Each structure stands twice: as structure tokens, then as C-alpha cells.
């Protein structure tokens, strides 16, 4: 699944693309509700605060949240590389043990 322009969702975003790539990398995307994602390689750019719901990524995961905190409201499982970039606080509770590189960037980051 790939965006071909700006995506704006005001409620919960649920994408089940198990075995497939999810690319939502438009710099103007806005996801204001929880995001539940299932895919192989997942890339998300969000201009608002990002709330990760129950998500499973079996490949690489990259999240850029430019407009607010990154939080999770469900179990987030990533089996390889995680990259989270944000401007401010990121209170993440990753339940699964990392299996590969994990990069968190921002101010007041916990993981």
C-alpha cells in the first residue's frame, strides 16, 4: 500500500497488509487517531501526534512524527529495524524485545 498524495484520517487507521509493504510517506499526511498497522516494511510520516495501536511489522519500521508526541496504545512488535523520529517527547512501551537495530530520535525519549 502506497500513498499517492496526502492522506488525512481523523479516526482510527487500520491497515492489514501482512506480507506487503506499507508506505505512507507524504510530508503532509495527518493521522489523528490510533494507527494499527500490519505489514512487512512500514514507513509512516505524520504531521500530528502519533498514537500506535496494536501493530506488527515483520521487516523495517520507520516513523516520522513532526507535529507531536509518539505514544502507543497497543502492543507494537517489530522484528528488524525500528526508526522513530520526532521533535518532542516519545513515551513508547515496546512489549517485544528488539531484534535488530533500534533508533529513536527527539527530546525526552524513552523506549
N, C-alpha and C. Protein backbone atom coordinates (compact mmCIF):
# COMPACT_ATOMS: atom_id res chain seq x y z
N UNK A 1 0.85 -1.16 0.00
CA UNK A 1 0.00 0.00 0.00
C UNK A 1 0.89 1.23 0.00
N UNK A 2 0.64 2.14 -0.91
CA UNK A 2 1.45 3.35 -1.02
C UNK A 2 0.53 4.55 -1.22
N UNK A 3 0.82 5.65 -0.50
CA UNK A 3 0.04 6.85 -0.74
C UNK A 3 0.52 7.52 -2.02
N UNK A 4 -0.42 8.12 -2.75
CA UNK A 4 -0.05 8.84 -3.97
C UNK A 4 -0.29 10.33 -3.79
N UNK A 5 -0.48 10.72 -2.55
CA UNK A 5 -0.73 12.11 -2.19
C UNK A 5 -0.96 12.16 -0.70
N UNK A 6 -1.47 13.28 -0.23
CA UNK A 6 -1.71 13.47 1.19
C UNK A 6 -2.87 12.61 1.67
N UNK A 7 -2.66 11.94 2.82
CA UNK A 7 -3.70 11.14 3.45
C UNK A 7 -4.06 11.83 4.76
N UNK A 8 -5.37 12.04 4.99
CA UNK A 8 -5.83 12.68 6.22
C UNK A 8 -6.94 11.82 6.82
N UNK A 9 -6.69 11.31 8.05
CA UNK A 9 -7.66 10.45 8.74
C UNK A 9 -7.90 11.03 10.12
N UNK A 10 -9.17 11.27 10.48
CA UNK A 10 -9.47 11.85 11.79
C UNK A 10 -9.82 10.80 12.84
N UNK A 11 -10.04 9.57 12.45
CA UNK A 11 -10.34 8.49 13.39
C UNK A 11 -9.24 7.45 13.37
N UNK A 12 -9.58 6.24 13.76
CA UNK A 12 -8.62 5.14 13.79
C UNK A 12 -8.24 4.72 12.38
N UNK A 13 -6.96 4.47 12.17
CA UNK A 13 -6.46 3.96 10.90
C UNK A 13 -6.04 2.51 11.12
N UNK A 14 -6.65 1.58 10.40
CA UNK A 14 -6.29 0.16 10.49
C UNK A 14 -5.90 -0.32 9.11
N UNK A 15 -4.65 -0.76 8.98
CA UNK A 15 -4.17 -1.28 7.70
C UNK A 15 -3.60 -2.67 7.94
N UNK A 16 -4.22 -3.68 7.34
CA UNK A 16 -3.75 -5.06 7.44
C UNK A 16 -3.22 -5.46 6.08
N UNK A 17 -1.91 -5.33 5.92
CA UNK A 17 -1.24 -5.66 4.67
C UNK A 17 -0.14 -6.68 4.97
N UNK A 18 -0.47 -7.71 5.73
CA UNK A 18 0.51 -8.73 6.12
C UNK A 18 1.23 -9.25 4.88
N UNK A 19 2.55 -9.29 4.96
CA UNK A 19 3.36 -9.75 3.84
C UNK A 19 3.59 -8.70 2.77
N UNK A 20 3.07 -7.52 2.96
CA UNK A 20 3.20 -6.43 1.98
C UNK A 20 3.85 -5.21 2.61
N UNK A 21 4.25 -4.27 1.78
CA UNK A 21 4.86 -3.02 2.22
C UNK A 21 3.79 -1.95 2.39
N UNK A 22 3.92 -1.17 3.46
CA UNK A 22 3.04 -0.01 3.69
C UNK A 22 3.93 1.23 3.63
N UNK A 23 3.65 2.13 2.70
CA UNK A 23 4.42 3.36 2.57
C UNK A 23 3.47 4.55 2.57
N UNK A 24 3.45 5.25 3.70
CA UNK A 24 2.63 6.45 3.87
C UNK A 24 3.58 7.59 4.20
N UNK A 25 4.32 8.04 3.19
CA UNK A 25 5.45 8.94 3.42
C UNK A 25 5.27 10.36 2.90
N UNK A 26 4.04 10.73 2.54
CA UNK A 26 3.81 12.10 2.11
C UNK A 26 4.02 13.04 3.30
N UNK A 27 4.76 14.09 3.11
CA UNK A 27 5.10 15.01 4.18
C UNK A 27 3.94 15.80 4.77
N UNK A 28 2.75 15.68 4.18
CA UNK A 28 1.57 16.38 4.69
C UNK A 28 0.52 15.44 5.28
N UNK A 29 0.85 14.15 5.42
CA UNK A 29 -0.10 13.19 5.98
C UNK A 29 -0.51 13.59 7.39
N UNK A 30 -1.78 13.31 7.73
CA UNK A 30 -2.30 13.63 9.06
C UNK A 30 -3.16 12.47 9.55
N UNK A 31 -2.67 11.76 10.58
CA UNK A 31 -3.40 10.67 11.21
C UNK A 31 -3.63 11.07 12.66
N UNK A 32 -4.86 11.44 13.04
CA UNK A 32 -5.10 11.95 14.38
C UNK A 32 -5.58 10.89 15.36
N UNK A 33 -6.03 9.75 14.88
CA UNK A 33 -6.44 8.65 15.76
C UNK A 33 -5.34 7.61 15.85
N UNK A 34 -5.63 6.53 16.57
CA UNK A 34 -4.65 5.44 16.69
C UNK A 34 -4.41 4.80 15.33
N UNK A 35 -3.17 4.33 15.12
CA UNK A 35 -2.80 3.64 13.89
C UNK A 35 -2.47 2.20 14.22
N UNK A 36 -3.24 1.25 13.69
CA UNK A 36 -2.96 -0.17 13.84
C UNK A 36 -2.46 -0.67 12.49
N UNK A 37 -1.20 -1.10 12.45
CA UNK A 37 -0.56 -1.43 11.18
C UNK A 37 -0.04 -2.86 11.20
N UNK A 38 -0.23 -3.56 10.09
CA UNK A 38 0.34 -4.89 9.94
C UNK A 38 0.93 -4.97 8.54
N UNK A 39 2.26 -5.16 8.46
CA UNK A 39 2.91 -5.22 7.17
C UNK A 39 4.35 -5.68 7.29
N UNK A 40 5.01 -5.81 6.16
CA UNK A 40 6.41 -6.24 6.15
C UNK A 40 7.31 -5.06 6.43
N UNK A 41 7.47 -4.16 5.50
CA UNK A 41 8.24 -2.93 5.71
C UNK A 41 7.23 -1.79 5.78
N UNK A 42 7.30 -0.99 6.86
CA UNK A 42 6.30 0.06 7.09
C UNK A 42 7.01 1.39 7.27
N UNK A 43 6.58 2.40 6.50
CA UNK A 43 7.09 3.77 6.61
C UNK A 43 5.89 4.69 6.78
N UNK A 44 5.92 5.51 7.84
CA UNK A 44 4.83 6.45 8.11
C UNK A 44 5.42 7.82 8.41
N UNK A 45 4.87 8.85 7.76
CA UNK A 45 5.17 10.24 8.09
C UNK A 45 3.84 10.86 8.52
N UNK A 46 3.84 11.51 9.69
CA UNK A 46 2.62 12.08 10.24
C UNK A 46 2.91 13.50 10.74
N UNK A 47 2.02 14.44 10.41
CA UNK A 47 2.22 15.83 10.82
C UNK A 47 1.57 16.15 12.16
N UNK A 48 0.95 15.16 12.80
CA UNK A 48 0.33 15.35 14.11
C UNK A 48 0.97 14.39 15.11
N UNK A 49 0.53 14.44 16.36
CA UNK A 49 0.97 13.45 17.34
C UNK A 49 0.59 12.06 16.83
N UNK A 50 1.43 11.07 17.09
CA UNK A 50 1.18 9.72 16.57
C UNK A 50 0.91 8.76 17.71
N UNK A 51 -0.21 8.03 17.60
CA UNK A 51 -0.58 7.01 18.56
C UNK A 51 -0.56 5.67 17.84
N UNK A 52 0.39 4.80 18.19
CA UNK A 52 0.46 3.48 17.58
C UNK A 52 -0.43 2.52 18.35
N UNK A 53 -1.41 1.96 17.67
CA UNK A 53 -2.24 0.91 18.25
C UNK A 53 -1.52 -0.41 18.07
N UNK A 54 -2.22 -1.51 18.30
CA UNK A 54 -1.63 -2.84 18.13
C UNK A 54 -1.11 -2.97 16.71
N UNK A 55 0.21 -3.18 16.58
CA UNK A 55 0.85 -3.21 15.26
C UNK A 55 1.89 -4.31 15.20
N UNK A 56 2.00 -4.94 14.02
CA UNK A 56 3.01 -5.97 13.79
C UNK A 56 3.72 -5.67 12.48
N UNK A 57 5.04 -5.48 12.57
CA UNK A 57 5.86 -5.22 11.40
C UNK A 57 6.93 -6.29 11.35
N UNK A 58 6.96 -7.07 10.27
CA UNK A 58 7.91 -8.17 10.18
C UNK A 58 9.19 -7.79 9.44
N UNK A 59 9.30 -6.56 9.04
CA UNK A 59 10.51 -6.06 8.38
C UNK A 59 10.96 -4.79 9.05
N UNK A 60 11.29 -3.78 8.27
CA UNK A 60 11.76 -2.50 8.80
C UNK A 60 10.59 -1.56 9.09
N UNK A 61 10.74 -0.75 10.15
CA UNK A 61 9.69 0.20 10.55
C UNK A 61 10.32 1.57 10.72
N UNK A 62 9.78 2.56 9.99
CA UNK A 62 10.25 3.94 10.10
C UNK A 62 9.04 4.83 10.35
N UNK A 63 9.11 5.62 11.44
CA UNK A 63 8.03 6.54 11.79
C UNK A 63 8.61 7.92 12.00
N UNK A 64 8.07 8.90 11.29
CA UNK A 64 8.43 10.30 11.49
C UNK A 64 7.17 11.04 11.90
N UNK A 65 7.18 11.60 13.12
CA UNK A 65 6.03 12.33 13.65
C UNK A 65 6.48 13.75 13.93
N UNK A 66 6.09 14.69 13.06
CA UNK A 66 6.63 16.05 13.15
C UNK A 66 5.78 17.00 13.98
N UNK A 67 4.55 16.60 14.36
CA UNK A 67 3.66 17.54 15.00
C UNK A 67 3.24 17.23 16.41
N UNK A 68 3.92 16.31 17.08
CA UNK A 68 3.52 15.99 18.45
C UNK A 68 4.20 14.73 18.94
N UNK A 69 3.78 14.30 20.12
CA UNK A 69 4.38 13.13 20.76
C UNK A 69 4.08 11.85 20.01
N UNK A 70 4.92 10.84 20.22
CA UNK A 70 4.68 9.49 19.73
C UNK A 70 4.35 8.64 20.95
N UNK A 71 3.19 8.00 20.93
CA UNK A 71 2.77 7.13 22.03
C UNK A 71 2.27 5.82 21.45
N UNK A 72 2.08 4.84 22.32
CA UNK A 72 1.46 3.60 21.87
C UNK A 72 0.31 3.25 22.80
N UNK A 73 -0.77 2.73 22.21
CA UNK A 73 -1.93 2.31 22.98
C UNK A 73 -2.18 0.82 22.81
N UNK A 74 -1.24 0.13 22.19
CA UNK A 74 -1.33 -1.31 21.98
C UNK A 74 0.06 -1.89 21.85
N UNK A 75 0.14 -3.20 21.75
CA UNK A 75 1.42 -3.88 21.60
C UNK A 75 1.97 -3.61 20.21
N UNK A 76 3.23 -3.19 20.15
CA UNK A 76 3.90 -2.92 18.89
C UNK A 76 5.05 -3.91 18.76
N UNK A 77 5.00 -4.75 17.73
CA UNK A 77 6.02 -5.77 17.52
C UNK A 77 6.71 -5.51 16.19
N UNK A 78 8.03 -5.31 16.25
CA UNK A 78 8.84 -5.09 15.05
C UNK A 78 9.99 -6.07 15.11
N UNK A 79 10.18 -6.86 14.05
CA UNK A 79 11.20 -7.91 14.12
C UNK A 79 12.56 -7.51 13.57
N UNK A 80 12.70 -6.35 12.93
CA UNK A 80 14.03 -5.92 12.48
C UNK A 80 14.29 -4.49 12.89
N UNK A 81 14.51 -3.58 11.97
CA UNK A 81 14.94 -2.23 12.30
C UNK A 81 13.76 -1.31 12.62
N UNK A 82 13.90 -0.54 13.71
CA UNK A 82 12.91 0.47 14.08
C UNK A 82 13.58 1.83 14.00
N UNK A 83 12.91 2.77 13.44
CA UNK A 83 13.43 4.13 13.40
C UNK A 83 12.28 5.07 13.70
N UNK A 84 12.40 5.80 14.80
CA UNK A 84 11.35 6.74 15.18
C UNK A 84 11.96 8.12 15.30
N UNK A 85 11.40 9.08 14.56
CA UNK A 85 11.90 10.44 14.62
C UNK A 85 10.76 11.36 14.99
N UNK A 86 11.03 12.21 15.95
CA UNK A 86 10.02 13.17 16.34
C UNK A 86 10.67 14.36 17.02
N UNK A 87 9.94 15.42 17.10
CA UNK A 87 10.51 16.66 17.61
C UNK A 87 10.50 16.75 19.13
N UNK A 88 9.58 16.07 19.79
CA UNK A 88 9.47 16.20 21.24
C UNK A 88 9.43 14.85 21.93
N UNK A 89 8.57 14.69 22.90
CA UNK A 89 8.54 13.54 23.79
C UNK A 89 8.02 12.27 23.11
N UNK A 90 8.63 11.12 23.39
CA UNK A 90 8.23 9.85 22.82
C UNK A 90 8.16 8.77 23.90
N UNK A 91 7.05 8.68 24.65
CA UNK A 91 6.95 7.66 25.69
C UNK A 91 6.45 6.33 25.12
N UNK A 92 7.34 5.52 24.59
CA UNK A 92 6.95 4.27 23.96
C UNK A 92 7.19 3.09 24.89
N UNK A 93 6.27 2.15 24.88
CA UNK A 93 6.41 0.93 25.66
C UNK A 93 6.43 -0.23 24.68
N UNK A 94 7.58 -0.59 24.16
CA UNK A 94 7.69 -1.70 23.22
C UNK A 94 7.66 -2.99 24.03
N UNK A 95 6.64 -3.80 23.81
CA UNK A 95 6.49 -5.03 24.57
C UNK A 95 7.47 -6.09 24.08
N UNK A 96 7.67 -6.18 22.80
CA UNK A 96 8.58 -7.18 22.24
C UNK A 96 10.03 -6.74 22.39
N UNK A 97 10.91 -7.69 22.57
CA UNK A 97 12.34 -7.38 22.61
C UNK A 97 12.80 -7.01 21.21
N UNK A 98 13.64 -5.99 21.08
CA UNK A 98 14.16 -5.63 19.76
C UNK A 98 14.98 -6.77 19.16
N UNK A 99 14.81 -7.00 17.88
CA UNK A 99 15.60 -7.99 17.15
C UNK A 99 16.29 -7.28 16.00
N UNK A 100 17.20 -6.44 16.30
CA UNK A 100 17.87 -5.67 15.28
C UNK A 100 18.07 -4.26 15.77
N UNK A 101 18.45 -3.40 14.87
CA UNK A 101 18.75 -2.02 15.24
C UNK A 101 17.48 -1.28 15.66
N UNK A 102 17.63 -0.40 16.63
CA UNK A 102 16.53 0.46 17.05
C UNK A 102 17.07 1.87 17.19
N UNK A 103 16.46 2.81 16.50
CA UNK A 103 16.91 4.20 16.55
C UNK A 103 15.75 5.08 16.96
N UNK A 104 15.90 5.80 18.05
CA UNK A 104 14.89 6.76 18.50
C UNK A 104 15.53 8.13 18.51
N UNK A 105 14.84 9.12 17.99
CA UNK A 105 15.37 10.47 17.98
C UNK A 105 14.34 11.45 18.48
N UNK A 106 14.78 12.50 19.12
CA UNK A 106 13.88 13.52 19.63
C UNK A 106 14.36 14.04 20.96
N UNK A 107 13.48 14.69 21.69
CA UNK A 107 13.78 15.22 23.01
C UNK A 107 12.97 14.45 24.03
N UNK A 108 13.56 14.08 25.16
CA UNK A 108 12.87 13.35 26.22
C UNK A 108 12.30 12.05 25.70
N UNK A 109 13.15 11.21 25.12
CA UNK A 109 12.74 9.95 24.50
C UNK A 109 12.93 8.81 25.48
N UNK A 110 11.89 7.97 25.61
CA UNK A 110 12.00 6.73 26.38
C UNK A 110 11.54 5.60 25.49
N UNK A 111 12.15 4.45 25.62
CA UNK A 111 11.75 3.34 24.76
C UNK A 111 11.87 2.02 25.45
